[in-house]
Every structure is written in structure tokens, then in C-alpha cells.
Amino acid sequence: MPASANVVTSKEADTLTADRQSPELLQAIKKMSAEQEAIRETVEMQNGILRQLIGLQSMAHPVIVQDFRMDFGSMVVFMIKWVIAAIPAFIILFIVMSILASIFSGLLFSAVMR
């Protein structure tokens, strides 16, 4: 039996269970199916946008930078910003390396003490 045979649409669910379910439950089922339809439409729209972007990417031309002019003052400011931006990365690396060093030194110490 195909997997799609078990799928019941909201209209079929309404007719199959109208005698057994309360009106609140039927409204909840209708609301859920409407929300699922809205989600499906949104995903289809996003897929269309992605297809357009992929099409634009295939039309892109490679660029080769042959010259870059920057005055000394601008370069100093740029390098200072670069150094300031690198500080959080160094802090994270220090923390990770400290944790690894403590783990390995503990393993080495426990191996030597045996």
C-alpha cells in the first residue's frame, strides 16, 4: 500500500470525524491545516527566491583586483580596528587551550603517579 494512501485531507477528516469530535476540535484541525498551507506557500516562495539567486550566481563574472590604493592614515586606522577585532578571538583561543592543557596535564599526571 503506498504511503500516500494514509494521508487524510482536512475535508476528509471533517467528514470522517464530525460525529465523534467537538466543534472546537474541528476548528483546531482547520486552523492547523490553514497554517500548514501558509508554511508550504512560504517555503515555495523561498525556494523560488533561491532558484533566482542561483541563476544570478551563474551569470556572475570573476573579478581580479590589480591595484589597491590606500593612504597611510587610513591604513593605520584599518590595522588598529583589525587588532581590536582580533582580541575576542585570542581570548577564546586562550580559554580553549587552557582547558585542553588542564585535561592533558591531568592525564599525564595521573599516568605518572601510577
PDB file of N, CA and C in Angstrom:
ATOM      1  N   MET A   1       0.851  -1.174   0.000  1.00  0.00           N
ATOM      2  CA  MET A   1       0.000   0.000   0.000  1.00  0.00           C
ATOM      3  C   MET A   1       0.891   1.230   0.000  1.00  0.00           C
ATOM      4  N   PRO A   2       0.666   2.163  -0.903  1.00  0.00           N
ATOM      5  CA  PRO A   2       1.515   3.362  -0.942  1.00  0.00           C
ATOM      6  C   PRO A   2       1.339   4.209   0.289  1.00  0.00           C
ATOM      7  N   ALA A   3       2.406   4.966   0.617  1.00  0.00           N
ATOM      8  CA  ALA A   3       2.389   5.808   1.815  1.00  0.00           C
ATOM      9  C   ALA A   3       1.363   6.919   1.706  1.00  0.00           C
ATOM     10  N   SER A   4       1.071   7.377   0.494  1.00  0.00           N
ATOM     11  CA  SER A   4       0.124   8.470   0.330  1.00  0.00           C
ATOM     12  C   SER A   4      -1.311   8.041   0.587  1.00  0.00           C
ATOM     13  N   ALA A   5      -1.561   6.725   0.655  1.00  0.00           N
ATOM     14  CA  ALA A   5      -2.920   6.258   0.906  1.00  0.00           C
ATOM     15  C   ALA A   5      -3.353   6.570   2.331  1.00  0.00           C
ATOM     16  N   ASN A   6      -2.420   6.745   3.253  1.00  0.00           N
ATOM     17  CA  ASN A   6      -2.744   7.019   4.646  1.00  0.00           C
ATOM     18  C   ASN A   6      -2.972   8.500   4.914  1.00  0.00           C
ATOM     19  N   VAL A   7      -2.683   9.376   3.957  1.00  0.00           N
ATOM     20  CA  VAL A   7      -2.829  10.809   4.139  1.00  0.00           C
ATOM     21  C   VAL A   7      -4.299  11.171   4.017  1.00  0.00           C
ATOM     22  N   VAL A   8      -4.793  11.924   4.998  1.00  0.00           N
ATOM     23  CA  VAL A   8      -6.191  12.346   5.003  1.00  0.00           C
ATOM     24  C   VAL A   8      -6.207  13.868   4.945  1.00  0.00           C
ATOM     25  N   THR A   9      -6.945  14.409   3.997  1.00  0.00           N
ATOM     26  CA  THR A   9      -7.045  15.857   3.901  1.00  0.00           C
ATOM     27  C   THR A   9      -7.956  16.365   5.007  1.00  0.00           C
ATOM     28  N   SER A  10      -7.945  17.677   5.204  1.00  0.00           N
ATOM     29  CA  SER A  10      -8.756  18.249   6.276  1.00  0.00           C
ATOM     30  C   SER A  10     -10.244  18.078   5.989  1.00  0.00           C
ATOM     31  N   LYS A  11     -10.650  18.115   4.718  1.00  0.00           N
ATOM     32  CA  LYS A  11     -12.064  17.911   4.384  1.00  0.00           C
ATOM     33  C   LYS A  11     -12.496  16.496   4.710  1.00  0.00           C
ATOM     34  N   GLU A  12     -11.644  15.509   4.379  1.00  0.00           N
ATOM     35  CA  GLU A  12     -11.972  14.120   4.702  1.00  0.00           C
ATOM     36  C   GLU A  12     -12.009  13.910   6.214  1.00  0.00           C
ATOM     37  N   ALA A  13     -11.085  14.552   6.933  1.00  0.00           N
ATOM     38  CA  ALA A  13     -11.077  14.433   8.388  1.00  0.00           C
ATOM     39  C   ALA A  13     -12.349  15.015   8.976  1.00  0.00           C
ATOM     40  N   ASP A  14     -12.828  16.111   8.394  1.00  0.00           N
ATOM     41  CA  ASP A  14     -14.070  16.709   8.882  1.00  0.00           C
ATOM     42  C   ASP A  14     -15.247  15.759   8.678  1.00  0.00           C
ATOM     43  N   THR A  15     -15.326  15.132   7.514  1.00  0.00           N
ATOM     44  CA  THR A  15     -16.460  14.248   7.247  1.00  0.00           C
ATOM     45  C   THR A  15     -16.352  12.951   8.019  1.00  0.00           C
ATOM     46  N   LEU A  16     -15.141  12.429   8.211  1.00  0.00           N
ATOM     47  CA  LEU A  16     -14.973  11.162   8.915  1.00  0.00           C
ATOM     48  C   LEU A  16     -15.236  11.280  10.405  1.00  0.00           C
ATOM     49  N   THR A  17     -14.906  12.407  10.978  1.00  0.00           N
ATOM     50  CA  THR A  17     -14.952  12.505  12.436  1.00  0.00           C
ATOM     51  C   THR A  17     -15.954  13.544  12.938  1.00  0.00           C
ATOM     52  N   ALA A  18     -16.835  14.001  12.099  1.00  0.00           N
ATOM     53  CA  ALA A  18     -17.782  15.037  12.513  1.00  0.00           C
ATOM     54  C   ALA A  18     -18.706  14.546  13.619  1.00  0.00           C
ATOM     55  N   ASP A  19     -19.044  13.274  13.604  1.00  0.00           N
ATOM     56  CA  ASP A  19     -19.937  12.741  14.622  1.00  0.00           C
ATOM     57  C   ASP A  19     -19.239  12.554  15.959  1.00  0.00           C
ATOM     58  N   ARG A  20     -17.930  12.341  15.953  1.00  0.00           N
ATOM     59  CA  ARG A  20     -17.220  11.991  17.177  1.00  0.00           C
ATOM     60  C   ARG A  20     -16.481  13.158  17.819  1.00  0.00           C
ATOM     61  N   GLN A  21     -16.273  14.266  17.118  1.00  0.00           N
ATOM     62  CA  GLN A  21     -15.445  15.337  17.645  1.00  0.00           C
ATOM     63  C   GLN A  21     -16.266  16.585  17.925  1.00  0.00           C
ATOM     64  N   SER A  22     -15.749  17.370  18.830  1.00  0.00           N
ATOM     65  CA  SER A  22     -16.411  18.609  19.190  1.00  0.00           C
ATOM     66  C   SER A  22     -16.119  19.684  18.147  1.00  0.00           C
ATOM     67  N   PRO A  23     -16.924  20.722  18.078  1.00  0.00           N
ATOM     68  CA  PRO A  23     -16.683  21.805  17.119  1.00  0.00           C
ATOM     69  C   PRO A  23     -15.349  22.519  17.361  1.00  0.00           C
ATOM     70  N   GLU A  24     -14.916  22.586  18.623  1.00  0.00           N
ATOM     71  CA  GLU A  24     -13.645  23.237  18.908  1.00  0.00           C
ATOM     72  C   GLU A  24     -12.484  22.471  18.282  1.00  0.00           C
ATOM     73  N   LEU A  25     -12.571  21.137  18.353  1.00  0.00           N
ATOM     74  CA  LEU A  25     -11.518  20.309  17.780  1.00  0.00           C
ATOM     75  C   LEU A  25     -11.506  20.421  16.266  1.00  0.00           C
ATOM     76  N   LEU A  26     -12.657  20.477  15.658  1.00  0.00           N
ATOM     77  CA  LEU A  26     -12.732  20.642  14.205  1.00  0.00           C
ATOM     78  C   LEU A  26     -12.156  21.988  13.781  1.00  0.00           C
ATOM     79  N   GLN A  27     -12.425  23.029  14.544  1.00  0.00           N
ATOM     80  CA  GLN A  27     -11.856  24.334  14.227  1.00  0.00           C
ATOM     81  C   GLN A  27     -10.334  24.318  14.372  1.00  0.00           C
ATOM     82  N   ALA A  28      -9.848  23.598  15.377  1.00  0.00           N
ATOM     83  CA  ALA A  28      -8.410  23.492  15.571  1.00  0.00           C
ATOM     84  C   ALA A  28      -7.760  22.765  14.399  1.00  0.00           C
ATOM     85  N   ILE A  29      -8.420  21.713  13.893  1.00  0.00           N
ATOM     86  CA  ILE A  29      -7.887  20.976  12.739  1.00  0.00           C
ATOM     87  C   ILE A  29      -7.867  21.867  11.511  1.00  0.00           C
ATOM     88  N   LYS A  30      -8.931  22.634  11.290  1.00  0.00           N
ATOM     89  CA  LYS A  30      -8.985  23.536  10.139  1.00  0.00           C
ATOM     90  C   LYS A  30      -7.897  24.609  10.256  1.00  0.00           C
ATOM     91  N   LYS A  31      -7.696  25.131  11.474  1.00  0.00           N
ATOM     92  CA  LYS A  31      -6.679  26.154  11.687  1.00  0.00           C
ATOM     93  C   LYS A  31      -5.288  25.593  11.422  1.00  0.00           C
ATOM     94  N   MET A  32      -5.032  24.356  11.886  1.00  0.00           N
ATOM     95  CA  MET A  32      -3.733  23.727  11.655  1.00  0.00           C
ATOM     96  C   MET A  32      -3.488  23.508  10.171  1.00  0.00           C
ATOM     97  N   SER A  33      -4.498  23.072   9.440  1.00  0.00           N
ATOM     98  CA  SER A  33      -4.306  22.849   8.014  1.00  0.00           C
ATOM     99  C   SER A  33      -4.079  24.170   7.287  1.00  0.00           C
ATOM    100  N   ALA A  34      -4.732  25.241   7.726  1.00  0.00           N
ATOM    101  CA  ALA A  34      -4.511  26.552   7.117  1.00  0.00           C
ATOM    102  C   ALA A  34      -3.084  27.036   7.413  1.00  0.00           C
ATOM    103  N   GLU A  35      -2.602  26.790   8.631  1.00  0.00           N
ATOM    104  CA  GLU A  35      -1.239  27.173   8.984  1.00  0.00           C
ATOM    105  C   GLU A  35      -0.228  26.366   8.182  1.00  0.00           C
ATOM    106  N   GLN A  36      -0.490  25.071   7.993  1.00  0.00           N
ATOM    107  CA  GLN A  36       0.410  24.243   7.202  1.00  0.00           C
ATOM    108  C   GLN A  36       0.439  24.714   5.752  1.00  0.00           C
ATOM    109  N   GLU A  37      -0.698  25.112   5.224  1.00  0.00           N
ATOM    110  CA  GLU A  37      -0.754  25.626   3.858  1.00  0.00           C
ATOM    111  C   GLU A  37       0.044  26.930   3.747  1.00  0.00           C
ATOM    112  N   ALA A  38      -0.054  27.795   4.752  1.00  0.00           N
ATOM    113  CA  ALA A  38       0.717  29.043   4.743  1.00  0.00           C
ATOM    114  C   ALA A  38       2.208  28.755   4.804  1.00  0.00           C
ATOM    115  N   ILE A  39       2.594  27.785   5.608  1.00  0.00           N
ATOM    116  CA  ILE A  39       4.008  27.400   5.703  1.00  0.00           C
ATOM    117  C   ILE A  39       4.485  26.854   4.360  1.00  0.00           C
ATOM    118  N   ARG A  40       3.677  26.011   3.717  1.00  0.00           N
ATOM    119  CA  ARG A  40       4.051  25.440   2.426  1.00  0.00           C
ATOM    120  C   ARG A  40       4.244  26.539   1.388  1.00  0.00           C
ATOM    121  N   GLU A  41       3.332  27.517   1.364  1.00  0.00           N
ATOM    122  CA  GLU A  41       3.449  28.622   0.411  1.00  0.00           C
ATOM    123  C   GLU A  41       4.714  29.447   0.673  1.00  0.00           C
ATOM    124  N   THR A  42       5.030  29.670   1.939  1.00  0.00           N
ATOM    125  CA  THR A  42       6.233  30.422   2.292  1.00  0.00           C
ATOM    126  C   THR A  42       7.485  29.685   1.841  1.00  0.00           C
ATOM    127  N   VAL A  43       7.523  28.375   2.053  1.00  0.00           N
ATOM    128  CA  VAL A  43       8.681  27.582   1.641  1.00  0.00           C
ATOM    129  C   VAL A  43       8.820  27.596   0.126  1.00  0.00           C
ATOM    130  N   GLU A  44       7.709  27.485  -0.592  1.00  0.00           N
ATOM    131  CA  GLU A  44       7.765  27.533  -2.053  1.00  0.00           C
ATOM    132  C   GLU A  44       8.274  28.893  -2.532  1.00  0.00           C
ATOM    133  N   MET A  45       7.855  29.970  -1.876  1.00  0.00           N
ATOM    134  CA  MET A  45       8.325  31.300  -2.246  1.00  0.00           C
ATOM    135  C   MET A  45       9.837  31.423  -1.999  1.00  0.00           C
ATOM    136  N   GLN A  46      10.314  30.908  -0.857  1.00  0.00           N
ATOM    137  CA  GLN A  46      11.741  30.945  -0.555  1.00  0.00           C
ATOM    138  C   GLN A  46      12.531  30.112  -1.555  1.00  0.00           C
ATOM    139  N   ASN A  47      11.986  28.961  -1.965  1.00  0.00           N
ATOM    140  CA  ASN A  47      12.663  28.145  -2.962  1.00  0.00           C
ATOM    141  C   ASN A  47      12.775  28.885  -4.286  1.00  0.00           C
ATOM    142  N   GLY A  48      11.731  29.627  -4.656  1.00  0.00           N
ATOM    143  CA  GLY A  48      11.785  30.423  -5.877  1.00  0.00           C
ATOM    144  C   GLY A  48      12.856  31.496  -5.802  1.00  0.00           C
ATOM    145  N   ILE A  49      12.963  32.134  -4.655  1.00  0.00           N
ATOM    146  CA  ILE A  49      13.992  33.165  -4.472  1.00  0.00           C
ATOM    147  C   ILE A  49      15.378  32.538  -4.565  1.00  0.00           C
ATOM    148  N   LEU A  50      15.563  31.366  -3.953  1.00  0.00           N
ATOM    149  CA  LEU A  50      16.855  30.686  -4.022  1.00  0.00           C
ATOM    150  C   LEU A  50      17.203  30.298  -5.458  1.00  0.00           C
ATOM    151  N   ARG A  51      16.210  29.829  -6.211  1.00  0.00           N
ATOM    152  CA  ARG A  51      16.466  29.497  -7.612  1.00  0.00           C
ATOM    153  C   ARG A  51      16.897  30.726  -8.394  1.00  0.00           C
ATOM    154  N   GLN A  52      16.284  31.879  -8.123  1.00  0.00           N
ATOM    155  CA  GLN A  52      16.677  33.113  -8.792  1.00  0.00           C
ATOM    156  C   GLN A  52      18.111  33.497  -8.426  1.00  0.00           C
ATOM    157  N   LEU A  53      18.455  33.359  -7.137  1.00  0.00           N
ATOM    158  CA  LEU A  53      19.813  33.697  -6.701  1.00  0.00           C
ATOM    159  C   LEU A  53      20.844  32.781  -7.341  1.00  0.00           C
ATOM    160  N   ILE A  54      20.509  31.499  -7.469  1.00  0.00           N
ATOM    161  CA  ILE A  54      21.433  30.564  -8.108  1.00  0.00           C
ATOM    162  C   ILE A  54      21.602  30.935  -9.577  1.00  0.00           C
ATOM    163  N   GLY A  55      20.517  31.358 -10.218  1.00  0.00           N
ATOM    164  CA  GLY A  55      20.605  31.802 -11.605  1.00  0.00           C
ATOM    165  C   GLY A  55      21.468  33.041 -11.738  1.00  0.00           C
ATOM    166  N   LEU A  56      21.352  33.972 -10.798  1.00  0.00           N
ATOM    167  CA  LEU A  56      22.187  35.171 -10.825  1.00  0.00           C
ATOM    168  C   LEU A  56      23.649  34.832 -10.571  1.00  0.00           C
ATOM    169  N   GLN A  57      23.884  33.845  -9.719  1.00  0.00           N
ATOM    170  CA  GLN A  57      25.258  33.461  -9.413  1.00  0.00           C
ATOM    171  C   GLN A  57      25.939  32.880 -10.648  1.00  0.00           C
ATOM    172  N   SER A  58      25.199  32.130 -11.451  1.00  0.00           N
ATOM    173  CA  SER A  58      25.815  31.553 -12.635  1.00  0.00           C
ATOM    174  C   SER A  58      26.135  32.627 -13.671  1.00  0.00           C
ATOM    175  N   MET A  59      25.478  33.796 -13.593  1.00  0.00           N
ATOM    176  CA  MET A  59      25.741  34.880 -14.524  1.00  0.00           C
ATOM    177  C   MET A  59      26.866  35.793 -14.022  1.00  0.00           C
ATOM    178  N   ALA A  60      27.380  35.563 -12.834  1.00  0.00           N
ATOM    179  CA  ALA A  60      28.405  36.431 -12.258  1.00  0.00           C
ATOM    180  C   ALA A  60      29.723  36.270 -13.011  1.00  0.00           C
ATOM    181  N   HIS A  61      30.476  37.350 -13.070  1.00  0.00           N
ATOM    182  CA  HIS A  61      31.773  37.347 -13.738  1.00  0.00           C
ATOM    183  C   HIS A  61      32.870  37.442 -12.691  1.00  0.00           C
ATOM    184  N   PRO A  62      33.966  36.701 -12.882  1.00  0.00           N
ATOM    185  CA  PRO A  62      35.064  36.794 -11.909  1.00  0.00           C
ATOM    186  C   PRO A  62      35.731  38.174 -11.974  1.00  0.00           C
ATOM    187  N   VAL A  63      36.208  38.622 -10.823  1.00  0.00           N
ATOM    188  CA  VAL A  63      36.849  39.929 -10.723  1.00  0.00           C
ATOM    189  C   VAL A  63      38.287  39.719 -10.249  1.00  0.00           C
ATOM    190  N   ILE A  64      39.212  40.409 -10.885  1.00  0.00           N
ATOM    191  CA  ILE A  64      40.620  40.357 -10.493  1.00  0.00           C
ATOM    192  C   ILE A  64      41.036  41.761 -10.073  1.00  0.00           C
ATOM    193  N   VAL A  65      41.472  41.903  -8.817  1.00  0.00           N
ATOM    194  CA  VAL A  65      41.923  43.199  -8.316  1.00  0.00           C
ATOM    195  C   VAL A  65      43.381  43.371  -8.718  1.00  0.00           C
ATOM    196  N   GLN A  66      43.676  44.424  -9.456  1.00  0.00           N
ATOM    197  CA  GLN A  66      45.031  44.640  -9.940  1.00  0.00           C
ATOM    198  C   GLN A  66      45.763  45.709  -9.133  1.00  0.00           C
ATOM    199  N   ASP A  67      45.026  46.603  -8.474  1.00  0.00           N
ATOM    200  CA  ASP A  67      45.678  47.667  -7.734  1.00  0.00           C
ATOM    201  C   ASP A  67      44.790  48.054  -6.558  1.00  0.00           C
ATOM    202  N   PHE A  68      45.448  48.442  -5.465  1.00  0.00           N
ATOM    203  CA  PHE A  68      44.734  48.840  -4.265  1.00  0.00           C
ATOM    204  C   PHE A  68      45.457  50.038  -3.671  1.00  0.00           C
ATOM    205  N   ARG A  69      44.814  51.186  -3.671  1.00  0.00           N
ATOM    206  CA  ARG A  69      45.449  52.408  -3.155  1.00  0.00           C
ATOM    207  C   ARG A  69      44.772  52.814  -1.843  1.00  0.00           C
ATOM    208  N   MET A  70      45.633  53.048  -0.837  1.00  0.00           N
ATOM    209  CA  MET A  70      45.129  53.460   0.474  1.00  0.00           C
ATOM    210  C   MET A  70      46.180  54.348   1.105  1.00  0.00           C
ATOM    211  N   ASP A  71      45.791  55.501   1.586  1.00  0.00           N
ATOM    212  CA  ASP A  71      46.778  56.380   2.199  1.00  0.00           C
ATOM    213  C   ASP A  71      47.198  55.839   3.571  1.00  0.00           C
ATOM    214  N   PHE A  72      48.314  56.326   4.070  1.00  0.00           N
ATOM    215  CA  PHE A  72      48.922  55.768   5.274  1.00  0.00           C
ATOM    216  C   PHE A  72      48.009  55.887   6.495  1.00  0.00           C
ATOM    217  N   GLY A  73      47.365  57.043   6.675  1.00  0.00           N
ATOM    218  CA  GLY A  73      46.492  57.240   7.834  1.00  0.00           C
ATOM    219  C   GLY A  73      45.319  56.267   7.845  1.00  0.00           C
ATOM    220  N   SER A  74      44.714  56.072   6.694  1.00  0.00           N
ATOM    221  CA  SER A  74      43.600  55.120   6.605  1.00  0.00           C
ATOM    222  C   SER A  74      44.072  53.703   6.896  1.00  0.00           C
ATOM    223  N   MET A  75      45.279  53.366   6.433  1.00  0.00           N
ATOM    224  CA  MET A  75      45.803  52.026   6.672  1.00  0.00           C
ATOM    225  C   MET A  75      46.083  51.809   8.159  1.00  0.00           C
ATOM    226  N   VAL A  76      46.586  52.828   8.859  1.00  0.00           N
ATOM    227  CA  VAL A  76      46.839  52.708  10.296  1.00  0.00           C
ATOM    228  C   VAL A  76      45.534  52.502  11.048  1.00  0.00           C
ATOM    229  N   VAL A  77      44.510  53.275  10.701  1.00  0.00           N
ATOM    230  CA  VAL A  77      43.205  53.120  11.349  1.00  0.00           C
ATOM    231  C   VAL A  77      42.647  51.724  11.079  1.00  0.00           C
ATOM    232  N   PHE A  78      42.778  51.254   9.845  1.00  0.00           N
ATOM    233  CA  PHE A  78      42.304  49.915   9.488  1.00  0.00           C
ATOM    234  C   PHE A  78      43.025  48.845  10.302  1.00  0.00           C
ATOM    235  N   MET A  79      44.337  48.961  10.447  1.00  0.00           N
ATOM    236  CA  MET A  79      45.102  47.968  11.196  1.00  0.00           C
ATOM    237  C   MET A  79      44.761  48.001  12.683  1.00  0.00           C
ATOM    238  N   ILE A  80      44.488  49.174  13.237  1.00  0.00           N
ATOM    239  CA  ILE A  80      44.075  49.266  14.642  1.00  0.00           C
ATOM    240  C   ILE A  80      42.723  48.580  14.838  1.00  0.00           C
ATOM    241  N   LYS A  81      41.794  48.813  13.922  1.00  0.00           N
ATOM    242  CA  LYS A  81      40.494  48.132  14.005  1.00  0.00           C
ATOM    243  C   LYS A  81      40.667  46.620  13.888  1.00  0.00           C
ATOM    244  N   TRP A  82      41.578  46.185  13.037  1.00  0.00           N
ATOM    245  CA  TRP A  82      41.852  44.774  12.833  1.00  0.00           C
ATOM    246  C   TRP A  82      42.370  44.139  14.123  1.00  0.00           C
ATOM    247  N   VAL A  83      43.290  44.824  14.808  1.00  0.00           N
ATOM    248  CA  VAL A  83      43.845  44.324  16.064  1.00  0.00           C
ATOM    249  C   VAL A  83      42.762  44.255  17.139  1.00  0.00           C
ATOM    250  N   ILE A  84      41.930  45.281  17.220  1.00  0.00           N
ATOM    251  CA  ILE A  84      40.854  45.289  18.225  1.00  0.00           C
ATOM    252  C   ILE A  84      39.857  44.162  17.953  1.00  0.00           C
ATOM    253  N   ALA A  85      39.576  43.901  16.677  1.00  0.00           N
ATOM    254  CA  ALA A  85      38.644  42.831  16.330  1.00  0.00           C
ATOM    255  C   ALA A  85      39.233  41.449  16.630  1.00  0.00           C
ATOM    256  N   ALA A  86      40.547  41.322  16.665  1.00  0.00           N
ATOM    257  CA  ALA A  86      41.181  40.027  16.912  1.00  0.00           C
ATOM    258  C   ALA A  86      41.232  39.668  18.393  1.00  0.00           C
ATOM    259  N   ILE A  87      41.039  40.638  19.275  1.00  0.00           N
ATOM    260  CA  ILE A  87      41.143  40.379  20.718  1.00  0.00           C
ATOM    261  C   ILE A  87      40.159  39.308  21.202  1.00  0.00           C
ATOM    262  N   PRO A  88      38.866  39.350  20.843  1.00  0.00           N
ATOM    263  CA  PRO A  88      37.966  38.276  21.301  1.00  0.00           C
ATOM    264  C   PRO A  88      38.378  36.896  20.786  1.00  0.00           C
ATOM    265  N   ALA A  89      38.925  36.824  19.582  1.00  0.00           N
ATOM    266  CA  ALA A  89      39.376  35.532  19.056  1.00  0.00           C
ATOM    267  C   ALA A  89      40.528  34.989  19.892  1.00  0.00           C
ATOM    268  N   PHE A  90      41.459  35.853  20.272  1.00  0.00           N
ATOM    269  CA  PHE A  90      42.570  35.408  21.112  1.00  0.00           C
ATOM    270  C   PHE A  90      42.090  34.970  22.494  1.00  0.00           C
ATOM    271  N   ILE A  91      41.096  35.649  23.030  1.00  0.00           N
ATOM    272  CA  ILE A  91      40.554  35.260  24.342  1.00  0.00           C
ATOM    273  C   ILE A  91      39.925  33.871  24.254  1.00  0.00           C
ATOM    274  N   ILE A  92      39.149  33.641  23.201  1.00  0.00           N
ATOM    275  CA  ILE A  92      38.520  32.330  23.024  1.00  0.00           C
ATOM    276  C   ILE A  92      39.578  31.251  22.840  1.00  0.00           C
ATOM    277  N   LEU A  93      40.592  31.517  22.019  1.00  0.00           N
ATOM    278  CA  LEU A  93      41.669  30.544  21.838  1.00  0.00           C
ATOM    279  C   LEU A  93      42.399  30.268  23.142  1.00  0.00           C
ATOM    280  N   PHE A  94      42.631  31.295  23.962  1.00  0.00           N
ATOM    281  CA  PHE A  94      43.295  31.107  25.243  1.00  0.00           C
ATOM    282  C   PHE A  94      42.471  30.204  26.156  1.00  0.00           C
ATOM    283  N   ILE A  95      41.169  30.431  26.198  1.00  0.00           N
ATOM    284  CA  ILE A  95      40.299  29.603  27.051  1.00  0.00           C
ATOM    285  C   ILE A  95      40.312  28.157  26.585  1.00  0.00           C
ATOM    286  N   VAL A  96      40.186  27.941  25.284  1.00  0.00           N
ATOM    287  CA  VAL A  96      40.178  26.570  24.746  1.00  0.00           C
ATOM    288  C   VAL A  96      41.511  25.884  25.015  1.00  0.00           C
ATOM    289  N   MET A  97      42.604  26.589  24.777  1.00  0.00           N
ATOM    290  CA  MET A  97      43.916  25.984  25.009  1.00  0.00           C
ATOM    291  C   MET A  97      44.149  25.714  26.491  1.00  0.00           C
ATOM    292  N   SER A  98      43.645  26.567  27.382  1.00  0.00           N
ATOM    293  CA  SER A  98      43.775  26.338  28.830  1.00  0.00           C
ATOM    294  C   SER A  98      43.023  25.083  29.243  1.00  0.00           C
ATOM    295  N   ILE A  99      41.824  24.921  28.707  1.00  0.00           N
ATOM    296  CA  ILE A  99      41.040  23.719  29.030  1.00  0.00           C
ATOM    297  C   ILE A  99      41.748  22.471  28.534  1.00  0.00           C
ATOM    298  N   LEU A 100      42.240  22.506  27.294  1.00  0.00           N
ATOM    299  CA  LEU A 100      42.947  21.342  26.752  1.00  0.00           C
ATOM    300  C   LEU A 100      44.228  21.059  27.537  1.00  0.00           C
ATOM    301  N   ALA A 101      44.957  22.099  27.909  1.00  0.00           N
ATOM    302  CA  ALA A 101      46.186  21.905  28.680  1.00  0.00           C
ATOM    303  C   ALA A 101      45.888  21.298  30.042  1.00  0.00           C
ATOM    304  N   SER A 102      44.822  21.739  30.696  1.00  0.00           N
ATOM    305  CA  SER A 102      44.492  21.178  32.003  1.00  0.00           C
ATOM    306  C   SER A 102      44.063  19.718  31.879  1.00  0.00           C
ATOM    307  N   ILE A 103      43.340  19.390  30.821  1.00  0.00           N
ATOM    308  CA  ILE A 103      42.925  17.990  30.626  1.00  0.00           C
ATOM    309  C   ILE A 103      44.148  17.108  30.390  1.00  0.00           C
ATOM    310  N   PHE A 104      45.013  17.521  29.463  1.00  0.00           N
ATOM    311  CA  PHE A 104      46.169  16.695  29.149  1.00  0.00           C
ATOM    312  C   PHE A 104      47.180  16.645  30.284  1.00  0.00           C
ATOM    313  N   SER A 105      47.359  17.736  31.023  1.00  0.00           N
ATOM    314  CA  SER A 105      48.278  17.687  32.160  1.00  0.00           C
ATOM    315  C   SER A 105      47.715  16.789  33.256  1.00  0.00           C
ATOM    316  N   GLY A 106      46.414  16.786  33.444  1.00  0.00           N
ATOM    317  CA  GLY A 106      45.804  15.882  34.419  1.00  0.00           C
ATOM    318  C   GLY A 106      45.971  14.431  34.018  1.00  0.00           C
ATOM    319  N   LEU A 107      45.816  14.150  32.714  1.00  0.00           N
ATOM    320  CA  LEU A 107      46.021  12.782  32.243  1.00  0.00           C
ATOM    321  C   LEU A 107      47.478  12.357  32.400  1.00  0.00           C
ATOM    322  N   LEU A 108      48.394  13.267  32.070  1.00  0.00           N
ATOM    323  CA  LEU A 108      49.816  12.963  32.199  1.00  0.00           C
ATOM    324  C   LEU A 108      50.195  12.757  33.664  1.00  0.00           C
ATOM    325  N   PHE A 109      49.695  13.611  34.537  1.00  0.00           N
ATOM    326  CA  PHE A 109      49.990  13.489  35.965  1.00  0.00           C
ATOM    327  C   PHE A 109      49.449  12.180  36.538  1.00  0.00           C
ATOM    328  N   SER A 110      48.235  11.808  36.133  1.00  0.00           N
ATOM    329  CA  SER A 110      47.654  10.560  36.638  1.00  0.00           C
ATOM    330  C   SER A 110      48.402   9.345  36.090  1.00  0.00           C
ATOM    331  N   ALA A 111      48.930   9.435  34.857  1.00  0.00           N
ATOM    332  CA  ALA A 111      49.698   8.337  34.285  1.00  0.00           C
ATOM    333  C   ALA A 111      51.049   8.193  34.982  1.00  0.00           C
ATOM    334  N   VAL A 112      51.674   9.308  35.365  1.00  0.00           N
ATOM    335  CA  VAL A 112      52.975   9.274  36.030  1.00  0.00           C
ATOM    336  C   VAL A 112      52.816   8.764  37.459  1.00  0.00           C
ATOM    337  N   MET A 113      51.752   9.086  38.130  1.00  0.00           N
ATOM    338  CA  MET A 113      51.560   8.708  39.527  1.00  0.00           C
ATOM    339  C   MET A 113      51.196   7.231  39.697  1.00  0.00           C
ATOM    340  N   ARG A 114      50.887   6.532  38.659  1.00  0.00           N
ATOM    341  CA  ARG A 114      50.525   5.107  38.798  1.00  0.00           C
ATOM    342  C   ARG A 114      51.683   4.248  38.999  1.00  0.00           C
TER     343      ARG A 114
END
